PDB file of N, CA and C in Angstrom:
ATOM      1  N   UNK A   1      -1.493   9.652  49.370  1.00  0.00           N
ATOM      2  CA  UNK A   1      -1.169   8.770  48.271  1.00  0.00           C
ATOM      3  C   UNK A   1      -2.191   8.920  47.162  1.00  0.00           C
ATOM      4  N   UNK A   2      -1.697   8.880  45.984  1.00  0.00           N
ATOM      5  CA  UNK A   2      -2.580   8.988  44.829  1.00  0.00           C
ATOM      6  C   UNK A   2      -2.865   7.600  44.297  1.00  0.00           C
ATOM      7  N   UNK A   3      -4.117   7.353  44.010  1.00  0.00           N
ATOM      8  CA  UNK A   3      -4.522   6.069  43.444  1.00  0.00           C
ATOM      9  C   UNK A   3      -4.463   6.162  41.930  1.00  0.00           C
ATOM     10  N   UNK A   4      -3.533   5.494  41.322  1.00  0.00           N
ATOM     11  CA  UNK A   4      -3.411   5.528  39.861  1.00  0.00           C
ATOM     12  C   UNK A   4      -4.150   4.326  39.283  1.00  0.00           C
ATOM     13  N   UNK A   5      -4.940   4.599  38.298  1.00  0.00           N
ATOM     14  CA  UNK A   5      -5.644   3.506  37.630  1.00  0.00           C
ATOM     15  C   UNK A   5      -5.102   3.360  36.228  1.00  0.00           C
ATOM     16  N   UNK A   6      -4.840   2.132  35.872  1.00  0.00           N
ATOM     17  CA  UNK A   6      -4.365   1.866  34.520  1.00  0.00           C
ATOM     18  C   UNK A   6      -5.557   1.652  33.614  1.00  0.00           C
ATOM     19  N   UNK A   7      -5.492   2.267  32.472  1.00  0.00           N
ATOM     20  CA  UNK A   7      -6.564   2.115  31.509  1.00  0.00           C
ATOM     21  C   UNK A   7      -6.035   1.358  30.305  1.00  0.00           C
ATOM     22  N   UNK A   8      -6.645   0.240  30.037  1.00  0.00           N
ATOM     23  CA  UNK A   8      -6.288  -0.546  28.857  1.00  0.00           C
ATOM     24  C   UNK A   8      -7.441  -0.434  27.884  1.00  0.00           C
ATOM     25  N   UNK A   9      -7.172   0.193  26.761  1.00  0.00           N
ATOM     26  CA  UNK A   9      -8.227   0.312  25.757  1.00  0.00           C
ATOM     27  C   UNK A   9      -7.964  -0.674  24.639  1.00  0.00           C
ATOM     28  N   UNK A  10      -9.004  -1.301  24.220  1.00  0.00           N
ATOM     29  CA  UNK A  10      -8.921  -2.213  23.088  1.00  0.00           C
ATOM     30  C   UNK A  10      -8.839  -1.392  21.811  1.00  0.00           C
ATOM     31  N   UNK A  11      -8.019  -1.815  20.862  1.00  0.00           N
ATOM     32  CA  UNK A  11      -7.982  -1.082  19.593  1.00  0.00           C
ATOM     33  C   UNK A  11      -9.348  -1.152  18.911  1.00  0.00           C
ATOM     34  N   UNK A  12      -9.740  -0.037  18.343  1.00  0.00           N
ATOM     35  CA  UNK A  12     -11.034  -0.002  17.665  1.00  0.00           C
ATOM     36  C   UNK A  12     -10.946  -0.794  16.363  1.00  0.00           C
ATOM     37  N   UNK A  13     -12.096  -1.276  15.892  1.00  0.00           N
ATOM     38  CA  UNK A  13     -12.084  -2.011  14.615  1.00  0.00           C
ATOM     39  C   UNK A  13     -11.520  -1.174  13.473  1.00  0.00           C
ATOM     40  N   UNK A  14     -11.794   0.136  13.495  1.00  0.00           N
ATOM     41  CA  UNK A  14     -11.282   0.969  12.400  1.00  0.00           C
ATOM     42  C   UNK A  14      -9.769   1.122  12.479  1.00  0.00           C
ATOM     43  N   UNK A  15      -9.202   1.189  13.696  1.00  0.00           N
ATOM     44  CA  UNK A  15      -7.739   1.295  13.789  1.00  0.00           C
ATOM     45  C   UNK A  15      -7.078  -0.023  13.400  1.00  0.00           C
ATOM     46  N   UNK A  16      -7.732  -1.146  13.719  1.00  0.00           N
ATOM     47  CA  UNK A  16      -7.203  -2.441  13.283  1.00  0.00           C
ATOM     48  C   UNK A  16      -7.243  -2.545  11.760  1.00  0.00           C
ATOM     49  N   UNK A  17      -8.344  -2.090  11.173  1.00  0.00           N
ATOM     50  CA  UNK A  17      -8.465  -2.106   9.713  1.00  0.00           C
ATOM     51  C   UNK A  17      -7.403  -1.217   9.087  1.00  0.00           C
ATOM     52  N   UNK A  18      -7.196  -0.052   9.677  1.00  0.00           N
ATOM     53  CA  UNK A  18      -6.181   0.869   9.170  1.00  0.00           C
ATOM     54  C   UNK A  18      -4.808   0.202   9.170  1.00  0.00           C
ATOM     55  N   UNK A  19      -4.483  -0.485  10.243  1.00  0.00           N
ATOM     56  CA  UNK A  19      -3.192  -1.166  10.330  1.00  0.00           C
ATOM     57  C   UNK A  19      -3.081  -2.271   9.279  1.00  0.00           C
ATOM     58  N   UNK A  20      -4.156  -3.031   9.088  1.00  0.00           N
ATOM     59  CA  UNK A  20      -4.142  -4.097   8.084  1.00  0.00           C
ATOM     60  C   UNK A  20      -3.969  -3.534   6.676  1.00  0.00           C
ATOM     61  N   UNK A  21      -4.661  -2.446   6.387  1.00  0.00           N
ATOM     62  CA  UNK A  21      -4.555  -1.825   5.067  1.00  0.00           C
ATOM     63  C   UNK A  21      -3.159  -1.250   4.872  1.00  0.00           C
ATOM     64  N   UNK A  22      -2.605  -0.662   5.922  1.00  0.00           N
ATOM     65  CA  UNK A  22      -1.250  -0.118   5.850  1.00  0.00           C
ATOM     66  C   UNK A  22      -0.250  -1.226   5.534  1.00  0.00           C
ATOM     67  N   UNK A  23      -0.382  -2.358   6.202  1.00  0.00           N
ATOM     68  CA  UNK A  23       0.492  -3.500   5.929  1.00  0.00           C
ATOM     69  C   UNK A  23       0.314  -3.996   4.495  1.00  0.00           C
ATOM     70  N   UNK A  24      -0.933  -4.043   4.045  1.00  0.00           N
ATOM     71  CA  UNK A  24      -1.222  -4.479   2.676  1.00  0.00           C
ATOM     72  C   UNK A  24      -0.564  -3.544   1.669  1.00  0.00           C
ATOM     73  N   UNK A  25      -0.613  -2.253   1.942  1.00  0.00           N
ATOM     74  CA  UNK A  25       0.004  -1.275   1.040  1.00  0.00           C
ATOM     75  C   UNK A  25       1.517  -1.477   0.988  1.00  0.00           C
ATOM     76  N   UNK A  26       2.133  -1.719   2.140  1.00  0.00           N
ATOM     77  CA  UNK A  26       3.575  -1.954   2.162  1.00  0.00           C
ATOM     78  C   UNK A  26       3.938  -3.205   1.375  1.00  0.00           C
ATOM     79  N   UNK A  27       3.139  -4.251   1.522  1.00  0.00           N
ATOM     80  CA  UNK A  27       3.388  -5.486   0.772  1.00  0.00           C
ATOM     81  C   UNK A  27       3.270  -5.217  -0.726  1.00  0.00           C
ATOM     82  N   UNK A  28       2.251  -4.444  -1.114  1.00  0.00           N
ATOM     83  CA  UNK A  28       2.060  -4.105  -2.523  1.00  0.00           C
ATOM     84  C   UNK A  28       3.211  -3.288  -3.083  1.00  0.00           C
ATOM     85  N   UNK A  29       3.694  -2.327  -2.306  1.00  0.00           N
ATOM     86  CA  UNK A  29       4.818  -1.509  -2.755  1.00  0.00           C
ATOM     87  C   UNK A  29       6.077  -2.354  -2.902  1.00  0.00           C
ATOM     88  N   UNK A  30       6.303  -3.252  -1.950  1.00  0.00           N
ATOM     89  CA  UNK A  30       7.474  -4.130  -2.043  1.00  0.00           C
ATOM     90  C   UNK A  30       7.365  -5.063  -3.241  1.00  0.00           C
ATOM     91  N   UNK A  31       6.167  -5.564  -3.495  1.00  0.00           N
ATOM     92  CA  UNK A  31       5.964  -6.443  -4.655  1.00  0.00           C
ATOM     93  C   UNK A  31       6.225  -5.685  -5.951  1.00  0.00           C
ATOM     94  N   UNK A  32       5.766  -4.437  -6.021  1.00  0.00           N
ATOM     95  CA  UNK A  32       5.998  -3.621  -7.219  1.00  0.00           C
ATOM     96  C   UNK A  32       7.493  -3.371  -7.409  1.00  0.00           C
ATOM     97  N   UNK A  33       8.200  -3.073  -6.331  1.00  0.00           N
ATOM     98  CA  UNK A  33       9.643  -2.834  -6.422  1.00  0.00           C
ATOM     99  C   UNK A  33      10.375  -4.098  -6.868  1.00  0.00           C
ATOM    100  N   UNK A  34       9.987  -5.238  -6.319  1.00  0.00           N
ATOM    101  CA  UNK A  34      10.612  -6.503  -6.729  1.00  0.00           C
ATOM    102  C   UNK A  34      10.338  -6.812  -8.196  1.00  0.00           C
ATOM    103  N   UNK A  35       9.107  -6.580  -8.627  1.00  0.00           N
ATOM    104  CA  UNK A  35       8.750  -6.829 -10.030  1.00  0.00           C
ATOM    105  C   UNK A  35       9.557  -5.924 -10.955  1.00  0.00           C
ATOM    106  N   UNK A  36       9.722  -4.658 -10.569  1.00  0.00           N
ATOM    107  CA  UNK A  36      10.523  -3.733 -11.382  1.00  0.00           C
ATOM    108  C   UNK A  36      11.978  -4.192 -11.462  1.00  0.00           C
ATOM    109  N   UNK A  37      12.516  -4.621 -10.344  1.00  0.00           N
ATOM    110  CA  UNK A  37      13.897  -5.089 -10.315  1.00  0.00           C
ATOM    111  C   UNK A  37      14.072  -6.290 -11.249  1.00  0.00           C
ATOM    112  N   UNK A  38      13.150  -7.229 -11.163  1.00  0.00           N
ATOM    113  CA  UNK A  38      13.207  -8.414 -12.022  1.00  0.00           C
ATOM    114  C   UNK A  38      13.067  -8.034 -13.489  1.00  0.00           C
ATOM    115  N   UNK A  39      12.144  -7.119 -13.779  1.00  0.00           N
ATOM    116  CA  UNK A  39      11.935  -6.679 -15.156  1.00  0.00           C
ATOM    117  C   UNK A  39      13.198  -6.019 -15.700  1.00  0.00           C
ATOM    118  N   UNK A  40      13.795  -5.120 -14.907  1.00  0.00           N
ATOM    119  CA  UNK A  40      15.006  -4.430 -15.345  1.00  0.00           C
ATOM    120  C   UNK A  40      16.131  -5.422 -15.615  1.00  0.00           C
ATOM    121  N   UNK A  41      16.291  -6.399 -14.729  1.00  0.00           N
ATOM    122  CA  UNK A  41      17.333  -7.410 -14.927  1.00  0.00           C
ATOM    123  C   UNK A  41      17.086  -8.215 -16.201  1.00  0.00           C
ATOM    124  N   UNK A  42      15.826  -8.564 -16.447  1.00  0.00           N
ATOM    125  CA  UNK A  42      15.480  -9.325 -17.651  1.00  0.00           C
ATOM    126  C   UNK A  42      15.764  -8.509 -18.903  1.00  0.00           C
ATOM    127  N   UNK A  43      15.378  -7.234 -18.880  1.00  0.00           N
ATOM    128  CA  UNK A  43      15.633  -6.356 -20.036  1.00  0.00           C
ATOM    129  C   UNK A  43      17.134  -6.233 -20.257  1.00  0.00           C
ATOM    130  N   UNK A  44      17.891  -6.028 -19.192  1.00  0.00           N
ATOM    131  CA  UNK A  44      19.339  -5.883 -19.325  1.00  0.00           C
ATOM    132  C   UNK A  44      19.998  -7.150 -19.869  1.00  0.00           C
ATOM    133  N   UNK A  45      19.454  -8.315 -19.516  1.00  0.00           N
ATOM    134  CA  UNK A  45      20.019  -9.579 -19.993  1.00  0.00           C
ATOM    135  C   UNK A  45      19.638  -9.890 -21.437  1.00  0.00           C
ATOM    136  N   UNK A  46      18.449  -9.472 -21.865  1.00  0.00           N
ATOM    137  CA  UNK A  46      17.954  -9.888 -23.183  1.00  0.00           C
ATOM    138  C   UNK A  46      18.119  -8.844 -24.275  1.00  0.00           C
ATOM    139  N   UNK A  47      18.122  -7.578 -23.920  1.00  0.00           N
ATOM    140  CA  UNK A  47      18.254  -6.526 -24.936  1.00  0.00           C
ATOM    141  C   UNK A  47      19.727  -6.124 -24.989  1.00  0.00           C
ATOM    142  N   UNK A  48      20.331  -6.195 -26.167  1.00  0.00           N
ATOM    143  CA  UNK A  48      21.753  -5.859 -26.294  1.00  0.00           C
ATOM    144  C   UNK A  48      22.045  -4.435 -25.816  1.00  0.00           C
ATOM    145  N   UNK A  49      23.253  -4.270 -25.291  1.00  0.00           N
ATOM    146  CA  UNK A  49      23.656  -2.965 -24.778  1.00  0.00           C
ATOM    147  C   UNK A  49      23.645  -1.899 -25.877  1.00  0.00           C
ATOM    148  N   UNK A  50      23.819  -2.323 -27.109  1.00  0.00           N
ATOM    149  CA  UNK A  50      23.801  -1.374 -28.229  1.00  0.00           C
ATOM    150  C   UNK A  50      22.439  -0.696 -28.360  1.00  0.00           C
ATOM    151  N   UNK A  51      21.423  -1.327 -27.823  1.00  0.00           N
ATOM    152  CA  UNK A  51      20.070  -0.759 -27.894  1.00  0.00           C
ATOM    153  C   UNK A  51      19.680  -0.084 -26.578  1.00  0.00           C
ATOM    154  N   UNK A  52      20.642   0.611 -25.967  1.00  0.00           N
ATOM    155  CA  UNK A  52      20.419   1.261 -24.671  1.00  0.00           C
ATOM    156  C   UNK A  52      19.190   2.171 -24.659  1.00  0.00           C
ATOM    157  N   UNK A  53      18.941   2.961 -25.708  1.00  0.00           N
ATOM    158  CA  UNK A  53      17.732   3.802 -25.674  1.00  0.00           C
ATOM    159  C   UNK A  53      16.443   2.972 -25.537  1.00  0.00           C
ATOM    160  N   UNK A  54      16.399   1.817 -26.188  1.00  0.00           N
ATOM    161  CA  UNK A  54      15.231   0.943 -26.069  1.00  0.00           C
ATOM    162  C   UNK A  54      15.128   0.385 -24.651  1.00  0.00           C
ATOM    163  N   UNK A  55      16.252  -0.041 -24.103  1.00  0.00           N
ATOM    164  CA  UNK A  55      16.260  -0.555 -22.735  1.00  0.00           C
ATOM    165  C   UNK A  55      15.748   0.501 -21.768  1.00  0.00           C
ATOM    166  N   UNK A  56      16.239   1.711 -21.920  1.00  0.00           N
ATOM    167  CA  UNK A  56      15.830   2.802 -21.036  1.00  0.00           C
ATOM    168  C   UNK A  56      14.340   3.077 -21.166  1.00  0.00           C
ATOM    169  N   UNK A  57      13.857   3.078 -22.400  1.00  0.00           N
ATOM    170  CA  UNK A  57      12.436   3.347 -22.630  1.00  0.00           C
ATOM    171  C   UNK A  57      11.561   2.261 -22.003  1.00  0.00           C
ATOM    172  N   UNK A  58      11.962   1.006 -22.151  1.00  0.00           N
ATOM    173  CA  UNK A  58      11.199  -0.103 -21.568  1.00  0.00           C
ATOM    174  C   UNK A  58      11.166  -0.017 -20.038  1.00  0.00           C
ATOM    175  N   UNK A  59      12.309   0.227 -19.439  1.00  0.00           N
ATOM    176  CA  UNK A  59      12.378   0.312 -17.978  1.00  0.00           C
ATOM    177  C   UNK A  59      11.595   1.522 -17.473  1.00  0.00           C
ATOM    178  N   UNK A  60      11.712   2.658 -18.163  1.00  0.00           N
ATOM    179  CA  UNK A  60      10.948   3.845 -17.765  1.00  0.00           C
ATOM    180  C   UNK A  60       9.446   3.595 -17.832  1.00  0.00           C
ATOM    181  N   UNK A  61       9.009   2.885 -18.870  1.00  0.00           N
ATOM    182  CA  UNK A  61       7.581   2.560 -18.996  1.00  0.00           C
ATOM    183  C   UNK A  61       7.138   1.634 -17.867  1.00  0.00           C
ATOM    184  N   UNK A  62       7.977   0.686 -17.498  1.00  0.00           N
ATOM    185  CA  UNK A  62       7.646  -0.224 -16.398  1.00  0.00           C
ATOM    186  C   UNK A  62       7.576   0.524 -15.068  1.00  0.00           C
ATOM    187  N   UNK A  63       8.485   1.462 -14.865  1.00  0.00           N
ATOM    188  CA  UNK A  63       8.457   2.273 -13.642  1.00  0.00           C
ATOM    189  C   UNK A  63       7.185   3.099 -13.588  1.00  0.00           C
ATOM    190  N   UNK A  64       6.809   3.683 -14.708  1.00  0.00           N
ATOM    191  CA  UNK A  64       5.571   4.463 -14.775  1.00  0.00           C
ATOM    192  C   UNK A  64       4.360   3.583 -14.462  1.00  0.00           C
ATOM    193  N   UNK A  65       4.331   2.391 -15.022  1.00  0.00           N
ATOM    194  CA  UNK A  65       3.237   1.456 -14.764  1.00  0.00           C
ATOM    195  C   UNK A  65       3.166   1.097 -13.281  1.00  0.00           C
ATOM    196  N   UNK A  66       4.306   0.752 -12.696  1.00  0.00           N
ATOM    197  CA  UNK A  66       4.332   0.384 -11.273  1.00  0.00           C
ATOM    198  C   UNK A  66       3.890   1.552 -10.403  1.00  0.00           C
ATOM    199  N   UNK A  67       4.316   2.755 -10.753  1.00  0.00           N
ATOM    200  CA  UNK A  67       3.914   3.944  -9.999  1.00  0.00           C
ATOM    201  C   UNK A  67       2.399   4.126 -10.045  1.00  0.00           C
ATOM    202  N   UNK A  68       1.827   3.946 -11.220  1.00  0.00           N
ATOM    203  CA  UNK A  68       0.373   4.089 -11.355  1.00  0.00           C
ATOM    204  C   UNK A  68      -0.368   3.000 -10.580  1.00  0.00           C
ATOM    205  N   UNK A  69       0.159   1.787 -10.591  1.00  0.00           N
ATOM    206  CA  UNK A  69      -0.470   0.697  -9.842  1.00  0.00           C
ATOM    207  C   UNK A  69      -0.422   0.953  -8.334  1.00  0.00           C
ATOM    208  N   UNK A  70       0.716   1.397  -7.837  1.00  0.00           N
ATOM    209  CA  UNK A  70       0.844   1.684  -6.407  1.00  0.00           C
ATOM    210  C   UNK A  70      -0.052   2.856  -6.025  1.00  0.00           C
ATOM    211  N   UNK A  71      -0.134   3.873  -6.880  1.00  0.00           N
ATOM    212  CA  UNK A  71      -1.016   5.008  -6.614  1.00  0.00           C
ATOM    213  C   UNK A  71      -2.472   4.565  -6.576  1.00  0.00           C
ATOM    214  N   UNK A  72      -2.860   3.703  -7.500  1.00  0.00           N
ATOM    215  CA  UNK A  72      -4.240   3.195  -7.515  1.00  0.00           C
ATOM    216  C   UNK A  72      -4.519   2.378  -6.259  1.00  0.00           C
ATOM    217  N   UNK A  73      -3.549   1.566  -5.839  1.00  0.00           N
ATOM    218  CA  UNK A  73      -3.723   0.779  -4.617  1.00  0.00           C
ATOM    219  C   UNK A  73      -3.875   1.707  -3.412  1.00  0.00           C
ATOM    220  N   UNK A  74      -3.065   2.742  -3.341  1.00  0.00           N
ATOM    221  CA  UNK A  74      -3.127   3.699  -2.236  1.00  0.00           C
ATOM    222  C   UNK A  74      -4.496   4.379  -2.198  1.00  0.00           C
ATOM    223  N   UNK A  75      -4.972   4.818  -3.353  1.00  0.00           N
ATOM    224  CA  UNK A  75      -6.279   5.481  -3.432  1.00  0.00           C
ATOM    225  C   UNK A  75      -7.393   4.519  -3.019  1.00  0.00           C
ATOM    226  N   UNK A  76      -7.315   3.278  -3.479  1.00  0.00           N
ATOM    227  CA  UNK A  76      -8.305   2.272  -3.099  1.00  0.00           C
ATOM    228  C   UNK A  76      -8.310   2.068  -1.588  1.00  0.00           C
ATOM    229  N   UNK A  77      -7.121   1.947  -1.002  1.00  0.00           N
ATOM    230  CA  UNK A  77      -7.024   1.753   0.443  1.00  0.00           C
ATOM    231  C   UNK A  77      -7.595   2.938   1.210  1.00  0.00           C
ATOM    232  N   UNK A  78      -7.321   4.147   0.758  1.00  0.00           N
ATOM    233  CA  UNK A  78      -7.885   5.338   1.416  1.00  0.00           C
ATOM    234  C   UNK A  78      -9.399   5.317   1.357  1.00  0.00           C
ATOM    235  N   UNK A  79      -9.951   4.996   0.193  1.00  0.00           N
ATOM    236  CA  UNK A  79     -11.405   4.937   0.052  1.00  0.00           C
ATOM    237  C   UNK A  79     -11.995   3.831   0.919  1.00  0.00           C
ATOM    238  N   UNK A  80     -11.316   2.702   0.984  1.00  0.00           N
ATOM    239  CA  UNK A  80     -11.776   1.589   1.810  1.00  0.00           C
ATOM    240  C   UNK A  80     -11.818   1.991   3.282  1.00  0.00           C
ATOM    241  N   UNK A  81     -10.768   2.613   3.755  1.00  0.00           N
ATOM    242  CA  UNK A  81     -10.717   3.043   5.153  1.00  0.00           C
ATOM    243  C   UNK A  81     -11.789   4.082   5.437  1.00  0.00           C
ATOM    244  N   UNK A  82     -11.953   5.023   4.541  1.00  0.00           N
ATOM    245  CA  UNK A  82     -12.968   6.066   4.722  1.00  0.00           C
ATOM    246  C   UNK A  82     -14.362   5.443   4.807  1.00  0.00           C
ATOM    247  N   UNK A  83     -14.655   4.511   3.917  1.00  0.00           N
ATOM    248  CA  UNK A  83     -15.967   3.853   3.923  1.00  0.00           C
ATOM    249  C   UNK A  83     -16.156   3.014   5.182  1.00  0.00           C
ATOM    250  N   UNK A  84     -15.130   2.279   5.560  1.00  0.00           N
ATOM    251  CA  UNK A  84     -15.221   1.451   6.766  1.00  0.00           C
ATOM    252  C   UNK A  84     -15.381   2.316   8.005  1.00  0.00           C
ATOM    253  N   UNK A  85     -14.680   3.420   8.054  1.00  0.00           N
ATOM    254  CA  UNK A  85     -14.781   4.325   9.199  1.00  0.00           C
ATOM    255  C   UNK A  85     -16.196   4.880   9.322  1.00  0.00           C
ATOM    256  N   UNK A  86     -16.787   5.253   8.194  1.00  0.00           N
ATOM    257  CA  UNK A  86     -18.175   5.748   8.219  1.00  0.00           C
ATOM    258  C   UNK A  86     -19.119   4.641   8.665  1.00  0.00           C
ATOM    259  N   UNK A  87     -18.924   3.438   8.136  1.00  0.00           N
ATOM    260  CA  UNK A  87     -19.807   2.323   8.484  1.00  0.00           C
ATOM    261  C   UNK A  87     -19.662   1.948   9.957  1.00  0.00           C
ATOM    262  N   UNK A  88     -18.444   1.898  10.446  1.00  0.00           N
ATOM    263  CA  UNK A  88     -18.222   1.540  11.844  1.00  0.00           C
ATOM    264  C   UNK A  88     -18.641   2.668  12.777  1.00  0.00           C
ATOM    265  N   UNK A  89     -18.497   3.897  12.315  1.00  0.00           N
ATOM    266  CA  UNK A  89     -18.872   5.048  13.134  1.00  0.00           C
ATOM    267  C   UNK A  89     -20.369   5.173  13.317  1.00  0.00           C
ATOM    268  N   UNK A  90     -21.140   4.618  12.414  1.00  0.00           N
ATOM    269  CA  UNK A  90     -22.594   4.729  12.512  1.00  0.00           C
ATOM    270  C   UNK A  90     -23.227   3.431  12.986  1.00  0.00           C
ATOM    271  N   UNK A  91     -22.401   2.554  13.600  1.00  0.00           N
ATOM    272  CA  UNK A  91     -22.953   1.283  14.074  1.00  0.00           C
ATOM    273  C   UNK A  91     -23.846   1.523  15.282  1.00  0.00           C
ATOM    274  N   UNK A  92     -24.862   0.700  15.499  1.00  0.00           N
ATOM    275  CA  UNK A  92     -25.798   0.878  16.603  1.00  0.00           C
ATOM    276  C   UNK A  92     -25.114   0.840  17.969  1.00  0.00           C
ATOM    277  N   UNK A  93     -24.040   0.085  18.119  1.00  0.00           N
ATOM    278  CA  UNK A  93     -23.349  -0.009  19.403  1.00  0.00           C
ATOM    279  C   UNK A  93     -22.765   1.329  19.841  1.00  0.00           C
ATOM    280  N   UNK A  94     -22.286   2.119  18.895  1.00  0.00           N
ATOM    281  CA  UNK A  94     -21.650   3.381  19.242  1.00  0.00           C
ATOM    282  C   UNK A  94     -22.650   4.488  19.498  1.00  0.00           C
ATOM    283  N   UNK A  95     -23.875   4.345  19.082  1.00  0.00           N
ATOM    284  CA  UNK A  95     -24.858   5.407  19.264  1.00  0.00           C
ATOM    285  C   UNK A  95     -25.544   5.325  20.615  1.00  0.00           C
ATOM    286  N   UNK A  96     -25.214   4.325  21.432  1.00  0.00           N
ATOM    287  CA  UNK A  96     -25.825   4.161  22.763  1.00  0.00           C
ATOM    288  C   UNK A  96     -25.149   5.026  23.783  1.00  0.00           C
TER     289      UNK A  96
END
């Protein structure tokens, strides 16, 4: 008979942080998408259809802005995780 041992490992602080940041990024992306949807609806309701080129330009600019904001958030999260990983990796507990 083989003796099987179950190993339960606790998630590391860096993996927990990674999961939290990932969730935060998803929330940010959803918020940006909702804001764009609301903006587009507002533009469509307030700007006459005869001014379609203006409507398109406004919505395109808002999409560009949201894209840049989400990209900046993603870059910030990557830098945060990288810094936290370095800090947690060099903790005194792990060097024993």
